């Protein structure tokens, strides 16, 4: 009996020692974090929303962490190269994904095989959002959103809408808009915004829901009409254009968001330290000024709030994708 009891105690002691040994490196990591440079992995080339957001946060984050923050542009595979890189990285908080809603939501829904899974990543927090603009050709006989919806309902099938490609934010977002308003429009996909804008300007395609930089100059020159912006607030460079809620459609919202993620299994203390420094970085007046100049809105959300945002948008997008029978290019 004594031998059995001793054996059990020895086994428990060994188990406890093993757990302690596994915990100690994580505790040391959290205590010393950060002690070396942090890398922000961007799924896109330089320029655009993701790269702008990464560079917006990199300098102030370096100041608060006391470590250099490197921006590593890693385009490829519709964002999947960067996502898989971070998902497979060390669980130490030094390799951080600059995640884009269009990739983070659409890829798992539209692609059968991915080199990463949602469970492989855990959020640090939301950092920026970018609204979209509902822009139409001047030939469309509507000067505001209510008039546009009413005319479109009376003329089903007469409108074509552009997107940046099958499965893009502009495609899925416009399908959500169609479903919420009950209007009918024909989808015309493009490879990016360039040719889409040209065809909208020519009147071959009448509607384009896209990011402000793509259409701001044309709206200001009168070549296109901006009916509403699709975010929570007006765009600083299009102050005369109302939000969709102000224009009479409070149920519709389309914002592209950028959030930071690390490999799942990263210690909570490390994530908490990082998200605190991210929050402080975003609260700096100069960060907001730089964001406004770039047409991006700074908006911090905690890791838990970021998860809720992802869950909400995933549910809305999945519904729209199924109803619109959307397939990836």
C-alpha atoms as a PDB file:
ATOM      1  CA  UNK A   1       0.000   0.000   0.000  1.00  0.00           C
ATOM      2  CA  UNK A   2       2.816   2.408   0.940  1.00  0.00           C
ATOM      3  CA  UNK A   3       4.566   1.647  -2.317  1.00  0.00           C
ATOM      4  CA  UNK A   4       1.395   2.400  -4.350  1.00  0.00           C
ATOM      5  CA  UNK A   5       0.781   5.636  -2.434  1.00  0.00           C
ATOM      6  CA  UNK A   6       4.386   6.711  -2.909  1.00  0.00           C
ATOM      7  CA  UNK A   7       4.151   5.909  -6.622  1.00  0.00           C
ATOM      8  CA  UNK A   8       1.015   8.014  -6.986  1.00  0.00           C
ATOM      9  CA  UNK A   9       2.585  10.904  -5.123  1.00  0.00           C
ATOM     10  CA  UNK A  10       5.699  10.647  -7.252  1.00  0.00           C
ATOM     11  CA  UNK A  11       3.570  10.666 -10.389  1.00  0.00           C
ATOM     12  CA  UNK A  12       1.644  13.748  -9.248  1.00  0.00           C
ATOM     13  CA  UNK A  13       4.864  15.480  -8.315  1.00  0.00           C
ATOM     14  CA  UNK A  14       6.338  14.737 -11.725  1.00  0.00           C
ATOM     15  CA  UNK A  15       3.175  16.026 -13.426  1.00  0.00           C
ATOM     16  CA  UNK A  16       3.252  19.207 -11.376  1.00  0.00           C
ATOM     17  CA  UNK A  17       6.925  19.701 -12.171  1.00  0.00           C
ATOM     18  CA  UNK A  18       6.237  19.201 -15.858  1.00  0.00           C
ATOM     19  CA  UNK A  19       3.431  21.763 -15.839  1.00  0.00           C
ATOM     20  CA  UNK A  20       5.618  24.204 -13.945  1.00  0.00           C
ATOM     21  CA  UNK A  21       8.443  23.703 -16.417  1.00  0.00           C
ATOM     22  CA  UNK A  22       6.079  24.421 -19.309  1.00  0.00           C
ATOM     23  CA  UNK A  23       4.672  27.505 -17.570  1.00  0.00           C
ATOM     24  CA  UNK A  24       7.962  29.098 -16.531  1.00  0.00           C
ATOM     25  CA  UNK A  25       9.167  29.961 -20.072  1.00  0.00           C
ATOM     26  CA  UNK A  26       5.795  31.565 -20.835  1.00  0.00           C
ATOM     27  CA  UNK A  27       5.913  33.548 -17.618  1.00  0.00           C
ATOM     28  CA  UNK A  28       9.449  34.689 -18.397  1.00  0.00           C
ATOM     29  CA  UNK A  29       8.366  35.645 -21.921  1.00  0.00           C
ATOM     30  CA  UNK A  30       5.519  37.772 -20.581  1.00  0.00           C
ATOM     31  CA  UNK A  31       7.768  39.442 -17.981  1.00  0.00           C
ATOM     32  CA  UNK A  32      10.402  40.377 -20.564  1.00  0.00           C
ATOM     33  CA  UNK A  33       8.092  41.307 -23.446  1.00  0.00           C
ATOM     34  CA  UNK A  34       9.060  43.026 -25.617  1.00  0.00           C
ATOM     35  CA  UNK A  35      12.806  42.475 -25.660  1.00  0.00           C
ATOM     36  CA  UNK A  36      13.437  42.465 -29.429  1.00  0.00           C
ATOM     37  CA  UNK A  37      11.967  43.991 -32.624  1.00  0.00           C
ATOM     38  CA  UNK A  38       8.327  43.407 -33.504  1.00  0.00           C
ATOM     39  CA  UNK A  39       7.359  42.600 -37.100  1.00  0.00           C
ATOM     40  CA  UNK A  40       4.046  43.695 -38.635  1.00  0.00           C
ATOM     41  CA  UNK A  41       3.261  41.312 -41.504  1.00  0.00           C
ATOM     42  CA  UNK A  42       1.145  43.008 -44.204  1.00  0.00           C
ATOM     43  CA  UNK A  43      -0.716  40.794 -46.742  1.00  0.00           C
ATOM     44  CA  UNK A  44      -0.547  43.475 -49.466  1.00  0.00           C
ATOM     45  CA  UNK A  45       2.186  45.402 -51.326  1.00  0.00           C
ATOM     46  CA  UNK A  46       3.152  48.913 -50.141  1.00  0.00           C
ATOM     47  CA  UNK A  47       0.347  51.453 -50.478  1.00  0.00           C
ATOM     48  CA  UNK A  48      -3.350  50.953 -49.793  1.00  0.00           C
ATOM     49  CA  UNK A  49      -5.338  50.531 -46.599  1.00  0.00           C
ATOM     50  CA  UNK A  50      -3.335  47.725 -44.950  1.00  0.00           C
ATOM     51  CA  UNK A  51       0.103  49.161 -45.572  1.00  0.00           C
ATOM     52  CA  UNK A  52      -1.071  52.646 -44.548  1.00  0.00           C
ATOM     53  CA  UNK A  53      -2.531  51.268 -41.318  1.00  0.00           C
ATOM     54  CA  UNK A  54       0.650  49.345 -40.506  1.00  0.00           C
ATOM     55  CA  UNK A  55       2.866  52.393 -41.015  1.00  0.00           C
ATOM     56  CA  UNK A  56       0.408  54.545 -39.095  1.00  0.00           C
ATOM     57  CA  UNK A  57       0.895  52.394 -36.000  1.00  0.00           C
ATOM     58  CA  UNK A  58       4.553  51.371 -36.385  1.00  0.00           C
ATOM     59  CA  UNK A  59       6.309  54.555 -35.212  1.00  0.00           C
ATOM     60  CA  UNK A  60       4.205  55.257 -32.098  1.00  0.00           C
ATOM     61  CA  UNK A  61       4.196  51.553 -31.219  1.00  0.00           C
ATOM     62  CA  UNK A  62       7.990  51.536 -31.336  1.00  0.00           C
ATOM     63  CA  UNK A  63       8.001  54.511 -28.977  1.00  0.00           C
ATOM     64  CA  UNK A  64       5.753  52.832 -26.418  1.00  0.00           C
ATOM     65  CA  UNK A  65       7.302  49.357 -26.600  1.00  0.00           C
ATOM     66  CA  UNK A  66      10.875  50.608 -26.662  1.00  0.00           C
ATOM     67  CA  UNK A  67      11.622  48.276 -29.575  1.00  0.00           C
ATOM     68  CA  UNK A  68      11.811  48.829 -33.318  1.00  0.00           C
ATOM     69  CA  UNK A  69       8.677  47.870 -35.254  1.00  0.00           C
ATOM     70  CA  UNK A  70       9.316  46.555 -38.767  1.00  0.00           C
ATOM     71  CA  UNK A  71       6.699  46.512 -41.539  1.00  0.00           C
ATOM     72  CA  UNK A  72       7.082  43.377 -43.688  1.00  0.00           C
ATOM     73  CA  UNK A  73       4.963  43.410 -46.867  1.00  0.00           C
ATOM     74  CA  UNK A  74       4.217  39.821 -47.803  1.00  0.00           C
ATOM     75  CA  UNK A  75       1.629  39.762 -50.621  1.00  0.00           C
ATOM     76  CA  UNK A  76       0.493  36.562 -52.273  1.00  0.00           C
ATOM     77  CA  UNK A  77      -2.293  34.022 -52.398  1.00  0.00           C
ATOM     78  CA  UNK A  78      -5.075  36.555 -51.766  1.00  0.00           C
ATOM     79  CA  UNK A  79      -3.555  37.321 -48.385  1.00  0.00           C
ATOM     80  CA  UNK A  80      -3.006  33.701 -47.436  1.00  0.00           C
ATOM     81  CA  UNK A  81       0.795  33.868 -47.531  1.00  0.00           C
ATOM     82  CA  UNK A  82       0.897  36.470 -44.764  1.00  0.00           C
ATOM     83  CA  UNK A  83      -1.856  34.773 -42.761  1.00  0.00           C
ATOM     84  CA  UNK A  84      -0.152  31.384 -42.821  1.00  0.00           C
ATOM     85  CA  UNK A  85       3.203  32.984 -41.960  1.00  0.00           C
ATOM     86  CA  UNK A  86       1.818  34.459 -38.747  1.00  0.00           C
ATOM     87  CA  UNK A  87      -0.303  31.399 -37.946  1.00  0.00           C
ATOM     88  CA  UNK A  88       2.841  29.237 -38.013  1.00  0.00           C
ATOM     89  CA  UNK A  89       5.087  31.732 -36.236  1.00  0.00           C
ATOM     90  CA  UNK A  90       6.372  31.450 -32.672  1.00  0.00           C
ATOM     91  CA  UNK A  91       3.715  32.122 -30.049  1.00  0.00           C
ATOM     92  CA  UNK A  92       5.620  35.021 -28.560  1.00  0.00           C
ATOM     93  CA  UNK A  93       3.944  38.214 -29.824  1.00  0.00           C
ATOM     94  CA  UNK A  94       6.832  39.327 -32.030  1.00  0.00           C
ATOM     95  CA  UNK A  95       5.221  38.414 -35.371  1.00  0.00           C
ATOM     96  CA  UNK A  96       1.975  40.324 -35.808  1.00  0.00           C
ATOM     97  CA  UNK A  97      -0.496  40.050 -38.678  1.00  0.00           C
ATOM     98  CA  UNK A  98      -2.054  43.206 -40.086  1.00  0.00           C
ATOM     99  CA  UNK A  99      -5.377  41.569 -40.875  1.00  0.00           C
ATOM    100  CA  UNK A 100      -7.919  42.797 -43.425  1.00  0.00           C
ATOM    101  CA  UNK A 101     -11.641  42.104 -43.099  1.00  0.00           C
ATOM    102  CA  UNK A 102     -11.884  41.158 -46.765  1.00  0.00           C
ATOM    103  CA  UNK A 103      -9.354  38.348 -46.310  1.00  0.00           C
ATOM    104  CA  UNK A 104     -10.188  37.356 -42.752  1.00  0.00           C
ATOM    105  CA  UNK A 105     -13.908  36.912 -43.448  1.00  0.00           C
ATOM    106  CA  UNK A 106     -14.220  35.996 -47.118  1.00  0.00           C
ATOM    107  CA  UNK A 107     -11.310  33.574 -47.542  1.00  0.00           C
ATOM    108  CA  UNK A 108     -12.536  30.956 -45.021  1.00  0.00           C
ATOM    109  CA  UNK A 109     -16.032  31.118 -46.546  1.00  0.00           C
ATOM    110  CA  UNK A 110     -15.119  31.131 -50.234  1.00  0.00           C
ATOM    111  CA  UNK A 111     -11.969  28.984 -50.359  1.00  0.00           C
ATOM    112  CA  UNK A 112     -12.117  25.227 -49.884  1.00  0.00           C
ATOM    113  CA  UNK A 113      -8.501  24.818 -48.810  1.00  0.00           C
ATOM    114  CA  UNK A 114      -6.547  27.349 -46.781  1.00  0.00           C
ATOM    115  CA  UNK A 115      -3.002  27.106 -45.373  1.00  0.00           C
ATOM    116  CA  UNK A 116      -4.364  28.584 -42.124  1.00  0.00           C
ATOM    117  CA  UNK A 117      -7.501  28.408 -39.988  1.00  0.00           C
ATOM    118  CA  UNK A 118      -9.364  30.972 -37.929  1.00  0.00           C
ATOM    119  CA  UNK A 119      -8.408  29.084 -34.768  1.00  0.00           C
ATOM    120  CA  UNK A 120      -4.707  29.607 -35.617  1.00  0.00           C
ATOM    121  CA  UNK A 121      -4.938  33.348 -34.898  1.00  0.00           C
ATOM    122  CA  UNK A 122      -5.944  35.406 -31.884  1.00  0.00           C
ATOM    123  CA  UNK A 123      -6.731  39.147 -31.903  1.00  0.00           C
ATOM    124  CA  UNK A 124      -4.667  41.945 -30.425  1.00  0.00           C
ATOM    125  CA  UNK A 125      -7.194  44.616 -31.373  1.00  0.00           C
ATOM    126  CA  UNK A 126      -8.792  46.682 -34.114  1.00  0.00           C
ATOM    127  CA  UNK A 127      -6.734  49.652 -35.314  1.00  0.00           C
ATOM    128  CA  UNK A 128      -8.427  51.293 -38.319  1.00  0.00           C
ATOM    129  CA  UNK A 129     -11.546  51.266 -40.463  1.00  0.00           C
ATOM    130  CA  UNK A 130     -12.227  52.672 -43.921  1.00  0.00           C
ATOM    131  CA  UNK A 131     -15.658  53.574 -45.144  1.00  0.00           C
ATOM    132  CA  UNK A 132     -16.959  53.111 -48.686  1.00  0.00           C
ATOM    133  CA  UNK A 133     -18.853  55.462 -50.989  1.00  0.00           C
ATOM    134  CA  UNK A 134     -21.996  54.681 -52.952  1.00  0.00           C
ATOM    135  CA  UNK A 135     -21.107  56.406 -56.220  1.00  0.00           C
ATOM    136  CA  UNK A 136     -23.292  56.570 -59.338  1.00  0.00           C
ATOM    137  CA  UNK A 137     -22.976  57.926 -62.870  1.00  0.00           C
ATOM    138  CA  UNK A 138     -24.700  61.302 -63.443  1.00  0.00           C
ATOM    139  CA  UNK A 139     -27.131  59.627 -65.870  1.00  0.00           C
ATOM    140  CA  UNK A 140     -28.831  57.944 -62.913  1.00  0.00           C
ATOM    141  CA  UNK A 141     -31.821  60.214 -62.129  1.00  0.00           C
ATOM    142  CA  UNK A 142     -31.285  60.392 -58.383  1.00  0.00           C
ATOM    143  CA  UNK A 143     -29.608  63.015 -56.214  1.00  0.00           C
ATOM    144  CA  UNK A 144     -29.798  61.204 -52.896  1.00  0.00           C
ATOM    145  CA  UNK A 145     -29.984  57.654 -51.586  1.00  0.00           C
ATOM    146  CA  UNK A 146     -33.767  57.579 -51.092  1.00  0.00           C
ATOM    147  CA  UNK A 147     -34.348  58.691 -54.670  1.00  0.00           C
ATOM    148  CA  UNK A 148     -31.844  56.135 -55.934  1.00  0.00           C
ATOM    149  CA  UNK A 149     -33.478  53.222 -54.110  1.00  0.00           C
ATOM    150  CA  UNK A 150     -36.949  54.300 -55.249  1.00  0.00           C
ATOM    151  CA  UNK A 151     -35.848  54.655 -58.896  1.00  0.00           C
ATOM    152  CA  UNK A 152     -33.993  51.350 -58.851  1.00  0.00           C
ATOM    153  CA  UNK A 153     -37.067  49.546 -57.513  1.00  0.00           C
ATOM    154  CA  UNK A 154     -39.174  51.056 -60.290  1.00  0.00           C
ATOM    155  CA  UNK A 155     -36.601  50.047 -62.905  1.00  0.00           C
ATOM    156  CA  UNK A 156     -35.435  46.536 -61.989  1.00  0.00           C
ATOM    157  CA  UNK A 157     -32.532  45.171 -64.011  1.00  0.00           C
ATOM    158  CA  UNK A 158     -31.604  48.509 -65.616  1.00  0.00           C
ATOM    159  CA  UNK A 159     -28.570  49.092 -63.433  1.00  0.00           C
ATOM    160  CA  UNK A 160     -25.156  47.457 -63.547  1.00  0.00           C
ATOM    161  CA  UNK A 161     -22.776  47.650 -60.612  1.00  0.00           C
ATOM    162  CA  UNK A 162     -19.003  47.316 -60.628  1.00  0.00           C
ATOM    163  CA  UNK A 163     -16.824  45.419 -58.175  1.00  0.00           C
ATOM    164  CA  UNK A 164     -13.111  44.843 -57.729  1.00  0.00           C
ATOM    165  CA  UNK A 165     -13.632  41.151 -58.458  1.00  0.00           C
ATOM    166  CA  UNK A 166     -15.710  38.169 -57.398  1.00  0.00           C
ATOM    167  CA  UNK A 167     -15.607  37.786 -53.627  1.00  0.00           C
ATOM    168  CA  UNK A 168     -14.195  41.284 -53.059  1.00  0.00           C
ATOM    169  CA  UNK A 169     -15.499  43.675 -50.411  1.00  0.00           C
ATOM    170  CA  UNK A 170     -17.181  45.777 -53.096  1.00  0.00           C
ATOM    171  CA  UNK A 171     -18.904  42.668 -54.496  1.00  0.00           C
ATOM    172  CA  UNK A 172     -20.121  41.243 -51.186  1.00  0.00           C
ATOM    173  CA  UNK A 173     -20.957  44.692 -49.804  1.00  0.00           C
ATOM    174  CA  UNK A 174     -23.114  45.569 -52.804  1.00  0.00           C
ATOM    175  CA  UNK A 175     -24.923  42.241 -52.535  1.00  0.00           C
ATOM    176  CA  UNK A 176     -25.711  43.043 -48.894  1.00  0.00           C
ATOM    177  CA  UNK A 177     -26.957  46.476 -50.048  1.00  0.00           C
ATOM    178  CA  UNK A 178     -29.174  44.848 -52.683  1.00  0.00           C
ATOM    179  CA  UNK A 179     -30.621  42.371 -50.222  1.00  0.00           C
ATOM    180  CA  UNK A 180     -31.379  45.012 -47.599  1.00  0.00           C
ATOM    181  CA  UNK A 181     -33.003  47.431 -50.041  1.00  0.00           C
ATOM    182  CA  UNK A 182     -34.730  44.909 -52.324  1.00  0.00           C
ATOM    183  CA  UNK A 183     -33.327  46.393 -55.533  1.00  0.00           C
ATOM    184  CA  UNK A 184     -31.996  44.490 -58.539  1.00  0.00           C
ATOM    185  CA  UNK A 185     -28.650  45.240 -60.197  1.00  0.00           C
ATOM    186  CA  UNK A 186     -26.388  43.196 -62.455  1.00  0.00           C
ATOM    187  CA  UNK A 187     -22.867  42.489 -61.255  1.00  0.00           C
ATOM    188  CA  UNK A 188     -19.906  43.372 -63.487  1.00  0.00           C
ATOM    189  CA  UNK A 189     -16.618  42.190 -61.890  1.00  0.00           C
ATOM    190  CA  UNK A 190     -13.250  43.783 -62.645  1.00  0.00           C
ATOM    191  CA  UNK A 191      -9.651  43.067 -61.692  1.00  0.00           C
ATOM    192  CA  UNK A 192      -9.261  45.948 -59.249  1.00  0.00           C
ATOM    193  CA  UNK A 193     -10.562  49.516 -59.314  1.00  0.00           C
ATOM    194  CA  UNK A 194      -8.777  51.003 -62.330  1.00  0.00           C
ATOM    195  CA  UNK A 195     -10.894  49.671 -65.210  1.00  0.00           C
ATOM    196  CA  UNK A 196     -14.007  49.673 -63.048  1.00  0.00           C
ATOM    197  CA  UNK A 197     -13.705  53.419 -62.498  1.00  0.00           C
ATOM    198  CA  UNK A 198     -13.181  54.030 -66.217  1.00  0.00           C
ATOM    199  CA  UNK A 199     -16.343  52.118 -67.131  1.00  0.00           C
ATOM    200  CA  UNK A 200     -18.373  53.866 -64.428  1.00  0.00           C
ATOM    201  CA  UNK A 201     -17.142  57.265 -65.710  1.00  0.00           C
ATOM    202  CA  UNK A 202     -18.154  56.188 -69.224  1.00  0.00           C
ATOM    203  CA  UNK A 203     -21.623  55.181 -68.029  1.00  0.00           C
ATOM    204  CA  UNK A 204     -21.229  51.565 -69.138  1.00  0.00           C
ATOM    205  CA  UNK A 205     -21.631  50.609 -65.466  1.00  0.00           C
ATOM    206  CA  UNK A 206     -23.749  52.940 -63.370  1.00  0.00           C
ATOM    207  CA  UNK A 207     -22.992  52.064 -59.729  1.00  0.00           C
ATOM    208  CA  UNK A 208     -19.803  51.453 -57.755  1.00  0.00           C
ATOM    209  CA  UNK A 209     -19.533  51.027 -53.982  1.00  0.00           C
ATOM    210  CA  UNK A 210     -15.842  51.529 -53.313  1.00  0.00           C
ATOM    211  CA  UNK A 211     -13.285  53.270 -51.129  1.00  0.00           C
ATOM    212  CA  UNK A 212     -13.211  57.105 -51.158  1.00  0.00           C
ATOM    213  CA  UNK A 213      -9.750  57.582 -52.744  1.00  0.00           C
ATOM    214  CA  UNK A 214     -10.969  55.789 -55.872  1.00  0.00           C
ATOM    215  CA  UNK A 215     -13.790  58.261 -56.536  1.00  0.00           C
ATOM    216  CA  UNK A 216     -13.134  61.464 -54.527  1.00  0.00           C
ATOM    217  CA  UNK A 217     -11.623  63.434 -57.420  1.00  0.00           C
ATOM    218  CA  UNK A 218     -14.424  62.414 -59.782  1.00  0.00           C
ATOM    219  CA  UNK A 219     -17.089  63.351 -57.227  1.00  0.00           C
ATOM    220  CA  UNK A 220     -15.497  66.738 -56.638  1.00  0.00           C
ATOM    221  CA  UNK A 221     -15.319  67.389 -60.399  1.00  0.00           C
ATOM    222  CA  UNK A 222     -18.958  66.374 -60.894  1.00  0.00           C
ATOM    223  CA  UNK A 223     -18.177  63.348 -63.069  1.00  0.00           C
ATOM    224  CA  UNK A 224     -19.756  61.047 -60.470  1.00  0.00           C
ATOM    225  CA  UNK A 225     -22.383  61.513 -57.783  1.00  0.00           C
ATOM    226  CA  UNK A 226     -21.725  60.331 -54.233  1.00  0.00           C
ATOM    227  CA  UNK A 227     -25.013  59.385 -52.603  1.00  0.00           C
ATOM    228  CA  UNK A 228     -23.712  58.276 -49.197  1.00  0.00           C
ATOM    229  CA  UNK A 229     -20.766  56.902 -47.285  1.00  0.00           C
ATOM    230  CA  UNK A 230     -21.297  53.521 -45.697  1.00  0.00           C
ATOM    231  CA  UNK A 231     -19.566  54.006 -42.338  1.00  0.00           C
ATOM    232  CA  UNK A 232     -20.624  55.327 -38.955  1.00  0.00           C
ATOM    233  CA  UNK A 233     -19.359  58.851 -39.635  1.00  0.00           C
ATOM    234  CA  UNK A 234     -18.842  61.157 -42.598  1.00  0.00           C
ATOM    235  CA  UNK A 235     -15.553  61.006 -44.431  1.00  0.00           C
ATOM    236  CA  UNK A 236     -13.216  63.917 -43.572  1.00  0.00           C
ATOM    237  CA  UNK A 237     -12.451  64.553 -47.243  1.00  0.00           C
ATOM    238  CA  UNK A 238     -16.097  64.237 -48.339  1.00  0.00           C
ATOM    239  CA  UNK A 239     -17.847  66.191 -45.562  1.00  0.00           C
ATOM    240  CA  UNK A 240     -20.817  67.075 -47.752  1.00  0.00           C
ATOM    241  CA  UNK A 241     -21.726  63.414 -48.334  1.00  0.00           C
ATOM    242  CA  UNK A 242     -24.089  61.960 -45.673  1.00  0.00           C
ATOM    243  CA  UNK A 243     -23.745  58.567 -44.048  1.00  0.00           C
ATOM    244  CA  UNK A 244     -26.219  55.888 -45.093  1.00  0.00           C
ATOM    245  CA  UNK A 245     -28.001  56.312 -41.768  1.00  0.00           C
ATOM    246  CA  UNK A 246     -28.344  60.056 -42.336  1.00  0.00           C
ATOM    247  CA  UNK A 247     -29.534  59.318 -45.885  1.00  0.00           C
ATOM    248  CA  UNK A 248     -32.374  57.123 -44.617  1.00  0.00           C
ATOM    249  CA  UNK A 249     -30.895  53.599 -44.575  1.00  0.00           C
ATOM    250  CA  UNK A 250     -29.790  52.943 -40.970  1.00  0.00           C
ATOM    251  CA  UNK A 251     -29.616  49.172 -41.386  1.00  0.00           C
ATOM    252  CA  UNK A 252     -26.747  49.148 -43.883  1.00  0.00           C
ATOM    253  CA  UNK A 253     -23.080  49.516 -43.014  1.00  0.00           C
ATOM    254  CA  UNK A 254     -19.988  48.573 -44.985  1.00  0.00           C
ATOM    255  CA  UNK A 255     -16.619  49.293 -43.454  1.00  0.00           C
ATOM    256  CA  UNK A 256     -13.330  47.674 -44.323  1.00  0.00           C
ATOM    257  CA  UNK A 257     -11.432  47.103 -41.091  1.00  0.00           C
ATOM    258  CA  UNK A 258      -7.844  46.405 -40.167  1.00  0.00           C
ATOM    259  CA  UNK A 259      -6.918  44.530 -36.996  1.00  0.00           C
ATOM    260  CA  UNK A 260      -3.787  43.053 -35.471  1.00  0.00           C
ATOM    261  CA  UNK A 261      -3.532  39.305 -34.794  1.00  0.00           C
ATOM    262  CA  UNK A 262      -0.869  36.988 -33.394  1.00  0.00           C
ATOM    263  CA  UNK A 263      -0.463  33.215 -33.384  1.00  0.00           C
ATOM    264  CA  UNK A 264      -2.983  31.431 -31.180  1.00  0.00           C
ATOM    265  CA  UNK A 265      -1.369  30.295 -27.945  1.00  0.00           C
ATOM    266  CA  UNK A 266       0.508  33.549 -27.387  1.00  0.00           C
ATOM    267  CA  UNK A 267       0.429  34.255 -23.621  1.00  0.00           C
ATOM    268  CA  UNK A 268      -2.443  36.500 -22.533  1.00  0.00           C
ATOM    269  CA  UNK A 269      -0.064  38.788 -20.649  1.00  0.00           C
ATOM    270  CA  UNK A 270       1.891  39.410 -23.853  1.00  0.00           C
ATOM    271  CA  UNK A 271      -1.306  40.168 -25.784  1.00  0.00           C
ATOM    272  CA  UNK A 272      -2.482  42.507 -23.026  1.00  0.00           C
ATOM    273  CA  UNK A 273       0.783  44.453 -23.028  1.00  0.00           C
ATOM    274  CA  UNK A 274       0.737  44.718 -26.796  1.00  0.00           C
ATOM    275  CA  UNK A 275      -2.889  45.806 -27.030  1.00  0.00           C
ATOM    276  CA  UNK A 276      -2.349  48.433 -24.323  1.00  0.00           C
ATOM    277  CA  UNK A 277       0.523  49.938 -26.308  1.00  0.00           C
ATOM    278  CA  UNK A 278      -1.528  49.786 -29.507  1.00  0.00           C
ATOM    279  CA  UNK A 279      -4.344  51.681 -27.779  1.00  0.00           C
ATOM    280  CA  UNK A 280      -1.963  54.365 -26.527  1.00  0.00           C
ATOM    281  CA  UNK A 281      -0.447  54.666 -30.009  1.00  0.00           C
ATOM    282  CA  UNK A 282      -3.859  55.222 -31.592  1.00  0.00           C
ATOM    283  CA  UNK A 283      -4.836  57.827 -29.002  1.00  0.00           C
ATOM    284  CA  UNK A 284      -1.973  60.157 -29.973  1.00  0.00           C
ATOM    285  CA  UNK A 285      -3.221  63.337 -31.733  1.00  0.00           C
ATOM    286  CA  UNK A 286      -0.562  62.985 -34.432  1.00  0.00           C
ATOM    287  CA  UNK A 287      -1.765  59.448 -35.230  1.00  0.00           C
ATOM    288  CA  UNK A 288      -5.304  60.723 -35.834  1.00  0.00           C
ATOM    289  CA  UNK A 289      -3.988  63.596 -37.947  1.00  0.00           C
ATOM    290  CA  UNK A 290      -2.005  61.222 -40.147  1.00  0.00           C
ATOM    291  CA  UNK A 291      -5.015  58.915 -40.425  1.00  0.00           C
ATOM    292  CA  UNK A 292      -7.328  61.753 -41.453  1.00  0.00           C
ATOM    293  CA  UNK A 293      -4.865  62.842 -44.126  1.00  0.00           C
ATOM    294  CA  UNK A 294      -4.806  59.271 -45.487  1.00  0.00           C
ATOM    295  CA  UNK A 295      -8.606  58.969 -45.449  1.00  0.00           C
ATOM    296  CA  UNK A 296      -8.524  56.294 -42.742  1.00  0.00           C
ATOM    297  CA  UNK A 297     -10.375  56.339 -39.422  1.00  0.00           C
ATOM    298  CA  UNK A 298      -8.542  55.310 -36.269  1.00  0.00           C
ATOM    299  CA  UNK A 299     -10.745  53.040 -34.151  1.00  0.00           C
ATOM    300  CA  UNK A 300      -9.453  50.857 -31.336  1.00  0.00           C
ATOM    301  CA  UNK A 301     -11.280  47.752 -30.125  1.00  0.00           C
ATOM    302  CA  UNK A 302     -10.101  45.317 -27.466  1.00  0.00           C
ATOM    303  CA  UNK A 303      -9.318  41.698 -28.403  1.00  0.00           C
ATOM    304  CA  UNK A 304     -12.749  40.585 -27.165  1.00  0.00           C
ATOM    305  CA  UNK A 305     -14.526  43.375 -29.063  1.00  0.00           C
ATOM    306  CA  UNK A 306     -12.559  42.522 -32.200  1.00  0.00           C
ATOM    307  CA  UNK A 307     -13.737  38.928 -31.951  1.00  0.00           C
ATOM    308  CA  UNK A 308     -17.354  40.096 -31.703  1.00  0.00           C
ATOM    309  CA  UNK A 309     -16.877  42.310 -34.764  1.00  0.00           C
ATOM    310  CA  UNK A 310     -15.452  39.381 -36.743  1.00  0.00           C
ATOM    311  CA  UNK A 311     -18.344  37.136 -35.696  1.00  0.00           C
ATOM    312  CA  UNK A 312     -20.953  39.769 -36.634  1.00  0.00           C
ATOM    313  CA  UNK A 313     -19.464  40.527 -40.041  1.00  0.00           C
ATOM    314  CA  UNK A 314     -18.867  36.843 -40.800  1.00  0.00           C
ATOM    315  CA  UNK A 315     -22.554  36.094 -40.203  1.00  0.00           C
ATOM    316  CA  UNK A 316     -23.649  38.987 -42.448  1.00  0.00           C
ATOM    317  CA  UNK A 317     -21.189  38.126 -45.201  1.00  0.00           C
ATOM    318  CA  UNK A 318     -21.986  34.408 -45.133  1.00  0.00           C
ATOM    319  CA  UNK A 319     -25.673  35.202 -45.588  1.00  0.00           C
ATOM    320  CA  UNK A 320     -24.960  37.535 -48.504  1.00  0.00           C
ATOM    321  CA  UNK A 321     -22.540  35.093 -50.124  1.00  0.00           C
ATOM    322  CA  UNK A 322     -25.089  32.281 -49.998  1.00  0.00           C
ATOM    323  CA  UNK A 323     -27.980  34.425 -51.218  1.00  0.00           C
ATOM    324  CA  UNK A 324     -25.919  35.932 -54.023  1.00  0.00           C
ATOM    325  CA  UNK A 325     -24.291  32.589 -54.954  1.00  0.00           C
ATOM    326  CA  UNK A 326     -20.923  34.322 -54.827  1.00  0.00           C
ATOM    327  CA  UNK A 327     -17.905  32.347 -55.982  1.00  0.00           C
ATOM    328  CA  UNK A 328     -14.238  33.251 -55.683  1.00  0.00           C
ATOM    329  CA  UNK A 329     -12.306  34.034 -58.897  1.00  0.00           C
END
